[in-house]
Amino acid sequence: MISIRVVLIEPLYEGNVGSVCRSMKNFGFADIVLVKPCRLDNFAKAMASHAQDLLATARIVDTFDEALEGADLLVATTGKPGAHINSHVRYPFYNPKELRTMLEDKSGTAALIFGREDAGLPNEIVERCDIVAYIPTSKDYPIMNLAQAVSIFLYELSGFKGGNVALADREDVDRLYENYSNLLDDINYPEHKKDKTMMMLRRIYGRAMLNRREYYTMMGVLHEIGLALERAKKR
């Protein structure tokens, strides 16, 4: 079964937060995390309407890492996807219907991450995510209201429960990336290429949505490569 978590990064307007809670209740979702939100007062409650219970129980945290606790897949949302393959931070990207298709046989927790109303998600957060998603809009005015964008994603992701292919745990996937990083150091990979290469590896494995068996297989391969490098150094 797939669980969807909505993560709002530093939302500026309490009305949007309330509207997001209302939309979540409309479509049957309840897991929301707010990272350093604005003050939430009566207007947020008014916009939440009959979803004030979600607003009251929203988890409020200070850091992005705290918001990710327990999430297996990180989906960055953007109003400005990369235009081509060389726009490596925000490319490739998927629309909400494609995201649903990718998740249909999966089990775990997927976090949909939305940025501030005035600036969106910063690149340093997008780079850490597995997948980049966007809503196709007019080129004349591509940036949507935060609550409306959340609603479209939730509409597309509502009504399905996913499958039984368990996603690899987030901690395990991060450990895999750490091993790749160490491997690049061991082979003296050019330092100026390392960050881009690591992010591309995140995108590749993000699209693959590794299950637990695949994770252990890849860790085994990296372990054997490490042993081979150690043997080569001793010759």
C-alpha atoms as a PDB file:
ATOM      1  CA  MET A   1       0.000   0.000   0.000  1.00  0.00           C
ATOM      2  CA  ILE A   2       1.232   3.498  -0.847  1.00  0.00           C
ATOM      3  CA  SER A   3       0.888   6.306   1.675  1.00  0.00           C
ATOM      4  CA  ILE A   4       1.128   9.899   0.467  1.00  0.00           C
ATOM      5  CA  ARG A   5       2.644  12.614   2.639  1.00  0.00           C
ATOM      6  CA  VAL A   6       2.336  16.303   1.764  1.00  0.00           C
ATOM      7  CA  VAL A   7       5.337  18.406   2.806  1.00  0.00           C
ATOM      8  CA  LEU A   8       5.101  22.202   2.605  1.00  0.00           C
ATOM      9  CA  ILE A   9       8.439  24.005   2.840  1.00  0.00           C
ATOM     10  CA  GLU A  10       8.140  27.388   4.581  1.00  0.00           C
ATOM     11  CA  PRO A  11       4.622  28.261   3.358  1.00  0.00           C
ATOM     12  CA  LEU A  12       4.089  32.027   3.471  1.00  0.00           C
ATOM     13  CA  TYR A  13       0.301  32.320   3.629  1.00  0.00           C
ATOM     14  CA  GLU A  14      -1.898  30.691   6.226  1.00  0.00           C
ATOM     15  CA  GLY A  15      -4.831  30.630   3.813  1.00  0.00           C
ATOM     16  CA  ASN A  16      -2.902  28.306   1.526  1.00  0.00           C
ATOM     17  CA  VAL A  17      -2.068  25.973   4.400  1.00  0.00           C
ATOM     18  CA  GLY A  18      -5.723  25.806   5.397  1.00  0.00           C
ATOM     19  CA  SER A  19      -6.776  25.210   1.791  1.00  0.00           C
ATOM     20  CA  VAL A  20      -4.236  22.392   1.433  1.00  0.00           C
ATOM     21  CA  CYS A  21      -5.694  20.699   4.517  1.00  0.00           C
ATOM     22  CA  ARG A  22      -9.183  21.012   3.059  1.00  0.00           C
ATOM     23  CA  SER A  23      -8.051  19.505  -0.236  1.00  0.00           C
ATOM     24  CA  MET A  24      -6.315  16.650   1.550  1.00  0.00           C
ATOM     25  CA  LYS A  25      -9.506  15.773   3.387  1.00  0.00           C
ATOM     26  CA  ASN A  26     -11.483  16.054   0.130  1.00  0.00           C
ATOM     27  CA  PHE A  27      -9.326  13.353  -1.438  1.00  0.00           C
ATOM     28  CA  GLY A  28      -8.786  11.138   1.588  1.00  0.00           C
ATOM     29  CA  PHE A  29      -5.258  12.073   2.695  1.00  0.00           C
ATOM     30  CA  ALA A  30      -4.168  13.004   6.204  1.00  0.00           C
ATOM     31  CA  ASP A  31      -0.348  13.056   6.465  1.00  0.00           C
ATOM     32  CA  ILE A  32       0.917  16.646   6.286  1.00  0.00           C
ATOM     33  CA  VAL A  33       4.201  18.120   7.506  1.00  0.00           C
ATOM     34  CA  LEU A  34       4.953  21.848   7.633  1.00  0.00           C
ATOM     35  CA  VAL A  35       8.561  23.043   7.639  1.00  0.00           C
ATOM     36  CA  LYS A  36       8.895  26.446   9.326  1.00  0.00           C
ATOM     37  CA  PRO A  37       5.402  27.605   8.357  1.00  0.00           C
ATOM     38  CA  CYS A  38       3.933  31.061   8.734  1.00  0.00           C
ATOM     39  CA  ARG A  39       1.724  31.815  11.721  1.00  0.00           C
ATOM     40  CA  LEU A  40      -1.471  29.772  11.518  1.00  0.00           C
ATOM     41  CA  ASP A  41      -4.454  31.631  12.920  1.00  0.00           C
ATOM     42  CA  ASN A  42      -8.156  32.069  12.239  1.00  0.00           C
ATOM     43  CA  PHE A  43      -7.839  32.539   8.474  1.00  0.00           C
ATOM     44  CA  ALA A  44      -6.088  29.179   8.146  1.00  0.00           C
ATOM     45  CA  LYS A  45      -8.931  27.591  10.113  1.00  0.00           C
ATOM     46  CA  ALA A  46     -11.522  29.314   7.950  1.00  0.00           C
ATOM     47  CA  MET A  47      -9.895  28.077   4.740  1.00  0.00           C
ATOM     48  CA  ALA A  48      -9.540  24.570   6.158  1.00  0.00           C
ATOM     49  CA  SER A  49     -13.289  24.566   6.870  1.00  0.00           C
ATOM     50  CA  HIS A  50     -14.227  21.015   7.900  1.00  0.00           C
ATOM     51  CA  ALA A  51     -10.570  19.941   7.744  1.00  0.00           C
ATOM     52  CA  GLN A  52      -9.554  21.890  10.835  1.00  0.00           C
ATOM     53  CA  ASP A  53      -8.686  18.581  12.474  1.00  0.00           C
ATOM     54  CA  LEU A  54      -5.926  18.068   9.882  1.00  0.00           C
ATOM     55  CA  LEU A  55      -4.694  21.599  10.434  1.00  0.00           C
ATOM     56  CA  ALA A  56      -4.588  21.039  14.187  1.00  0.00           C
ATOM     57  CA  THR A  57      -2.662  17.768  13.887  1.00  0.00           C
ATOM     58  CA  ALA A  58      -0.248  18.836  11.126  1.00  0.00           C
ATOM     59  CA  ARG A  59       3.305  18.027  12.143  1.00  0.00           C
ATOM     60  CA  ILE A  60       5.427  21.184  12.352  1.00  0.00           C
ATOM     61  CA  VAL A  61       9.208  20.811  12.092  1.00  0.00           C
ATOM     62  CA  ASP A  62      12.239  23.039  11.703  1.00  0.00           C
ATOM     63  CA  THR A  63      14.212  21.146   9.069  1.00  0.00           C
ATOM     64  CA  PHE A  64      13.728  19.341   5.784  1.00  0.00           C
ATOM     65  CA  ASP A  65      15.351  16.213   7.214  1.00  0.00           C
ATOM     66  CA  GLU A  66      12.777  16.050  10.001  1.00  0.00           C
ATOM     67  CA  ALA A  67       9.974  16.239   7.444  1.00  0.00           C
ATOM     68  CA  LEU A  68      11.377  13.211   5.624  1.00  0.00           C
ATOM     69  CA  GLU A  69      11.415  10.845   8.588  1.00  0.00           C
ATOM     70  CA  GLY A  70       9.672   7.648   7.542  1.00  0.00           C
ATOM     71  CA  ALA A  71       9.389   8.626   3.864  1.00  0.00           C
ATOM     72  CA  ASP A  72      10.766   6.157   1.305  1.00  0.00           C
ATOM     73  CA  LEU A  73      10.388   8.159  -1.918  1.00  0.00           C
ATOM     74  CA  LEU A  74      10.960  11.914  -2.270  1.00  0.00           C
ATOM     75  CA  VAL A  75       9.053  13.712  -5.023  1.00  0.00           C
ATOM     76  CA  ALA A  76      10.032  17.329  -5.674  1.00  0.00           C
ATOM     77  CA  THR A  77       7.360  19.449  -7.334  1.00  0.00           C
ATOM     78  CA  THR A  78       8.226  22.366  -9.586  1.00  0.00           C
ATOM     79  CA  GLY A  79       6.545  24.912 -11.814  1.00  0.00           C
ATOM     80  CA  LYS A  80       9.766  25.255 -13.804  1.00  0.00           C
ATOM     81  CA  PRO A  81      10.936  21.849 -15.043  1.00  0.00           C
ATOM     82  CA  GLY A  82      14.198  21.531 -16.947  1.00  0.00           C
ATOM     83  CA  ALA A  83      13.860  22.296 -20.630  1.00  0.00           C
ATOM     84  CA  HIS A  84      16.245  19.562 -21.796  1.00  0.00           C
ATOM     85  CA  ILE A  85      18.485  16.748 -20.617  1.00  0.00           C
ATOM     86  CA  ASN A  86      21.309  19.125 -19.693  1.00  0.00           C
ATOM     87  CA  SER A  87      19.057  20.823 -17.134  1.00  0.00           C
ATOM     88  CA  HIS A  88      20.075  18.060 -14.786  1.00  0.00           C
ATOM     89  CA  VAL A  89      18.598  19.449 -11.549  1.00  0.00           C
ATOM     90  CA  ARG A  90      14.973  19.471 -12.758  1.00  0.00           C
ATOM     91  CA  TYR A  91      15.117  16.852 -15.514  1.00  0.00           C
ATOM     92  CA  PRO A  92      13.609  14.359 -16.241  1.00  0.00           C
ATOM     93  CA  PHE A  93      10.187  15.286 -14.877  1.00  0.00           C
ATOM     94  CA  TYR A  94       6.779  13.627 -14.668  1.00  0.00           C
ATOM     95  CA  ASN A  95       3.211  14.868 -14.604  1.00  0.00           C
ATOM     96  CA  PRO A  96       0.751  13.695 -11.906  1.00  0.00           C
ATOM     97  CA  LYS A  97      -0.765  10.957 -14.090  1.00  0.00           C
ATOM     98  CA  GLU A  98       2.669   9.551 -14.872  1.00  0.00           C
ATOM     99  CA  LEU A  99       3.564   9.666 -11.190  1.00  0.00           C
ATOM    100  CA  ARG A 100       0.444   7.674 -10.348  1.00  0.00           C
ATOM    101  CA  THR A 101       1.366   5.034 -12.919  1.00  0.00           C
ATOM    102  CA  MET A 102       4.860   4.765 -11.450  1.00  0.00           C
ATOM    103  CA  LEU A 103       3.442   4.192  -7.966  1.00  0.00           C
ATOM    104  CA  GLU A 104       0.630   1.785  -8.808  1.00  0.00           C
ATOM    105  CA  ASP A 105       2.401  -1.430  -7.785  1.00  0.00           C
ATOM    106  CA  LYS A 106       4.480   0.072  -4.960  1.00  0.00           C
ATOM    107  CA  SER A 107       4.243  -0.084  -1.183  1.00  0.00           C
ATOM    108  CA  GLY A 108       5.710   2.510   1.171  1.00  0.00           C
ATOM    109  CA  THR A 109       5.500   6.239   1.853  1.00  0.00           C
ATOM    110  CA  ALA A 110       5.935   8.826  -0.895  1.00  0.00           C
ATOM    111  CA  ALA A 111       6.489  12.451   0.143  1.00  0.00           C
ATOM    112  CA  LEU A 112       5.187  15.160  -2.207  1.00  0.00           C
ATOM    113  CA  ILE A 113       7.320  18.203  -1.497  1.00  0.00           C
ATOM    114  CA  PHE A 114       6.104  21.717  -2.301  1.00  0.00           C
ATOM    115  CA  GLY A 115       8.114  24.924  -2.026  1.00  0.00           C
ATOM    116  CA  ARG A 116       7.350  28.471  -0.935  1.00  0.00           C
ATOM    117  CA  GLU A 117       4.763  30.429  -2.856  1.00  0.00           C
ATOM    118  CA  ASP A 118       7.256  33.099  -3.947  1.00  0.00           C
ATOM    119  CA  ALA A 119      10.252  30.954  -4.840  1.00  0.00           C
ATOM    120  CA  GLY A 120       9.339  27.270  -5.077  1.00  0.00           C
ATOM    121  CA  LEU A 121      11.798  24.615  -3.981  1.00  0.00           C
ATOM    122  CA  PRO A 122      15.473  25.602  -3.862  1.00  0.00           C
ATOM    123  CA  ASN A 123      17.845  23.533  -5.981  1.00  0.00           C
ATOM    124  CA  GLU A 124      19.549  22.040  -2.935  1.00  0.00           C
ATOM    125  CA  ILE A 125      16.277  20.360  -1.956  1.00  0.00           C
ATOM    126  CA  VAL A 126      15.371  19.327  -5.513  1.00  0.00           C
ATOM    127  CA  GLU A 127      18.796  17.711  -5.852  1.00  0.00           C
ATOM    128  CA  ARG A 128      18.115  15.470  -2.857  1.00  0.00           C
ATOM    129  CA  CYS A 129      14.826  14.173  -4.228  1.00  0.00           C
ATOM    130  CA  ASP A 130      14.343  10.997  -6.233  1.00  0.00           C
ATOM    131  CA  ILE A 131      11.824  12.290  -8.767  1.00  0.00           C
ATOM    132  CA  VAL A 132      10.803  15.698 -10.117  1.00  0.00           C
ATOM    133  CA  ALA A 133       7.112  16.234 -10.890  1.00  0.00           C
ATOM    134  CA  TYR A 134       5.235  19.135 -12.453  1.00  0.00           C
ATOM    135  CA  ILE A 135       1.782  20.139 -13.672  1.00  0.00           C
ATOM    136  CA  PRO A 136       1.582  21.000 -17.390  1.00  0.00           C
ATOM    137  CA  THR A 137       0.411  24.612 -17.634  1.00  0.00           C
ATOM    138  CA  SER A 138       0.492  27.495 -20.091  1.00  0.00           C
ATOM    139  CA  LYS A 139       3.952  28.841 -20.881  1.00  0.00           C
ATOM    140  CA  ASP A 140       2.486  32.324 -20.513  1.00  0.00           C
ATOM    141  CA  TYR A 141       1.897  31.773 -16.793  1.00  0.00           C
ATOM    142  CA  PRO A 142       3.172  28.380 -15.589  1.00  0.00           C
ATOM    143  CA  ILE A 143       3.243  28.990 -11.821  1.00  0.00           C
ATOM    144  CA  MET A 144       0.125  27.839  -9.982  1.00  0.00           C
ATOM    145  CA  ASN A 145      -1.239  28.747  -6.581  1.00  0.00           C
ATOM    146  CA  LEU A 146       0.188  26.371  -3.975  1.00  0.00           C
ATOM    147  CA  ALA A 147      -3.139  24.974  -2.770  1.00  0.00           C
ATOM    148  CA  GLN A 148      -4.385  24.470  -6.338  1.00  0.00           C
ATOM    149  CA  ALA A 149      -1.211  22.608  -7.292  1.00  0.00           C
ATOM    150  CA  VAL A 150      -1.488  20.328  -4.266  1.00  0.00           C
ATOM    151  CA  SER A 151      -5.132  19.651  -5.148  1.00  0.00           C
ATOM    152  CA  ILE A 152      -4.282  18.518  -8.677  1.00  0.00           C
ATOM    153  CA  PHE A 153      -1.629  16.096  -7.451  1.00  0.00           C
ATOM    154  CA  LEU A 154      -3.941  14.693  -4.783  1.00  0.00           C
ATOM    155  CA  TYR A 155      -6.809  14.301  -7.246  1.00  0.00           C
ATOM    156  CA  GLU A 156      -4.615  12.219  -9.538  1.00  0.00           C
ATOM    157  CA  LEU A 157      -3.246  10.152  -6.650  1.00  0.00           C
ATOM    158  CA  SER A 158      -6.564   9.536  -4.924  1.00  0.00           C
ATOM    159  CA  GLY A 159      -8.550   6.332  -5.168  1.00  0.00           C
ATOM    160  CA  PHE A 160      -5.716   3.849  -5.511  1.00  0.00           C
ATOM    161  CA  LYS A 161      -3.865   1.931  -2.842  1.00  0.00           C
ATOM    162  CA  GLY A 162      -0.700   0.932  -4.644  1.00  0.00           C
ATOM    163  CA  GLY A 163       0.623  -2.607  -4.651  1.00  0.00           C
ATOM    164  CA  ASN A 164       2.828  -4.932  -2.675  1.00  0.00           C
ATOM    165  CA  VAL A 165       6.273  -4.128  -4.089  1.00  0.00           C
ATOM    166  CA  ALA A 166       7.904  -2.579  -1.033  1.00  0.00           C
ATOM    167  CA  LEU A 167      10.125   0.419  -1.707  1.00  0.00           C
ATOM    168  CA  ALA A 168      13.582   0.310  -0.182  1.00  0.00           C
ATOM    169  CA  ASP A 169      13.775   2.242   3.089  1.00  0.00           C
ATOM    170  CA  ARG A 170      14.996   5.823   2.824  1.00  0.00           C
ATOM    171  CA  GLU A 171      17.898   5.156   5.183  1.00  0.00           C
ATOM    172  CA  ASP A 172      19.019   2.260   2.999  1.00  0.00           C
ATOM    173  CA  VAL A 173      18.802   4.290  -0.207  1.00  0.00           C
ATOM    174  CA  ASP A 174      20.837   7.089   1.377  1.00  0.00           C
ATOM    175  CA  ARG A 175      23.390   4.482   2.446  1.00  0.00           C
ATOM    176  CA  LEU A 176      23.581   3.293  -1.160  1.00  0.00           C
ATOM    177  CA  TYR A 177      24.324   6.841  -2.322  1.00  0.00           C
ATOM    178  CA  GLU A 178      26.957   7.197   0.386  1.00  0.00           C
ATOM    179  CA  ASN A 179      28.668   4.046  -0.872  1.00  0.00           C
ATOM    180  CA  TYR A 180      28.607   5.390  -4.424  1.00  0.00           C
ATOM    181  CA  SER A 181      30.166   8.621  -3.198  1.00  0.00           C
ATOM    182  CA  ASN A 182      32.916   6.697  -1.422  1.00  0.00           C
ATOM    183  CA  LEU A 183      33.507   4.612  -4.539  1.00  0.00           C
ATOM    184  CA  LEU A 184      33.956   7.733  -6.661  1.00  0.00           C
ATOM    185  CA  ASP A 185      36.551   8.948  -4.166  1.00  0.00           C
ATOM    186  CA  ASP A 186      38.337   5.589  -4.256  1.00  0.00           C
ATOM    187  CA  ILE A 187      38.707   5.707  -8.045  1.00  0.00           C
ATOM    188  CA  ASN A 188      39.821   9.364  -7.995  1.00  0.00           C
ATOM    189  CA  TYR A 189      36.762  10.495  -9.894  1.00  0.00           C
ATOM    190  CA  PRO A 190      37.146  14.161 -10.952  1.00  0.00           C
ATOM    191  CA  GLU A 191      35.955  16.300  -8.054  1.00  0.00           C
ATOM    192  CA  HIS A 192      34.304  18.887 -10.312  1.00  0.00           C
ATOM    193  CA  LYS A 193      32.078  16.167 -11.800  1.00  0.00           C
ATOM    194  CA  LYS A 194      31.160  14.384  -8.604  1.00  0.00           C
ATOM    195  CA  ASP A 195      28.124  16.413  -7.485  1.00  0.00           C
ATOM    196  CA  LYS A 196      26.438  16.229 -10.890  1.00  0.00           C
ATOM    197  CA  THR A 197      27.180  12.517 -11.177  1.00  0.00           C
ATOM    198  CA  MET A 198      25.742  11.806  -7.736  1.00  0.00           C
ATOM    199  CA  MET A 199      22.584  13.710  -8.585  1.00  0.00           C
ATOM    200  CA  MET A 200      22.206  11.798 -11.845  1.00  0.00           C
ATOM    201  CA  LEU A 201      22.531   8.552  -9.896  1.00  0.00           C
ATOM    202  CA  ARG A 202      19.715   9.768  -7.643  1.00  0.00           C
ATOM    203  CA  ARG A 203      17.548  10.422 -10.695  1.00  0.00           C
ATOM    204  CA  ILE A 204      18.322   6.998 -12.186  1.00  0.00           C
ATOM    205  CA  TYR A 205      17.538   5.124  -8.994  1.00  0.00           C
ATOM    206  CA  GLY A 206      14.611   7.429  -8.287  1.00  0.00           C
ATOM    207  CA  ARG A 207      12.977   6.453 -11.571  1.00  0.00           C
ATOM    208  CA  ALA A 208      13.707   2.810 -10.816  1.00  0.00           C
ATOM    209  CA  MET A 209      12.071   3.097  -7.359  1.00  0.00           C
ATOM    210  CA  LEU A 210      14.289   0.402  -5.897  1.00  0.00           C
ATOM    211  CA  ASN A 211      12.650  -2.351  -3.928  1.00  0.00           C
ATOM    212  CA  ARG A 212      14.444  -3.960  -1.007  1.00  0.00           C
ATOM    213  CA  ARG A 213      15.851  -6.890  -2.953  1.00  0.00           C
ATOM    214  CA  GLU A 214      17.245  -4.566  -5.616  1.00  0.00           C
ATOM    215  CA  TYR A 215      18.814  -2.415  -2.904  1.00  0.00           C
ATOM    216  CA  TYR A 216      20.618  -5.378  -1.347  1.00  0.00           C
ATOM    217  CA  THR A 217      21.770  -6.529  -4.784  1.00  0.00           C
ATOM    218  CA  MET A 218      23.280  -3.133  -5.597  1.00  0.00           C
ATOM    219  CA  MET A 219      24.922  -2.907  -2.181  1.00  0.00           C
ATOM    220  CA  GLY A 220      26.433  -6.331  -2.799  1.00  0.00           C
ATOM    221  CA  VAL A 221      27.806  -5.214  -6.161  1.00  0.00           C
ATOM    222  CA  LEU A 222      29.372  -2.096  -4.635  1.00  0.00           C
ATOM    223  CA  HIS A 223      30.847  -4.188  -1.830  1.00  0.00           C
ATOM    224  CA  GLU A 224      32.505  -6.524  -4.339  1.00  0.00           C
ATOM    225  CA  ILE A 225      33.847  -3.554  -6.313  1.00  0.00           C
ATOM    226  CA  GLY A 226      35.321  -2.169  -3.102  1.00  0.00           C
ATOM    227  CA  LEU A 227      37.019  -5.482  -2.334  1.00  0.00           C
ATOM    228  CA  ALA A 228      38.411  -5.647  -5.868  1.00  0.00           C
ATOM    229  CA  LEU A 229      39.864  -2.151  -5.501  1.00  0.00           C
ATOM    230  CA  GLU A 230      41.487  -3.126  -2.207  1.00  0.00           C
ATOM    231  CA  ARG A 231      43.064  -6.187  -3.819  1.00  0.00           C
ATOM    232  CA  ALA A 232      44.323  -4.067  -6.713  1.00  0.00           C
ATOM    233  CA  LYS A 233      45.996  -1.630  -4.301  1.00  0.00           C
ATOM    234  CA  LYS A 234      47.931  -4.470  -2.659  1.00  0.00           C
ATOM    235  CA  ARG A 235      49.441  -5.714  -5.903  1.00  0.00           C
END
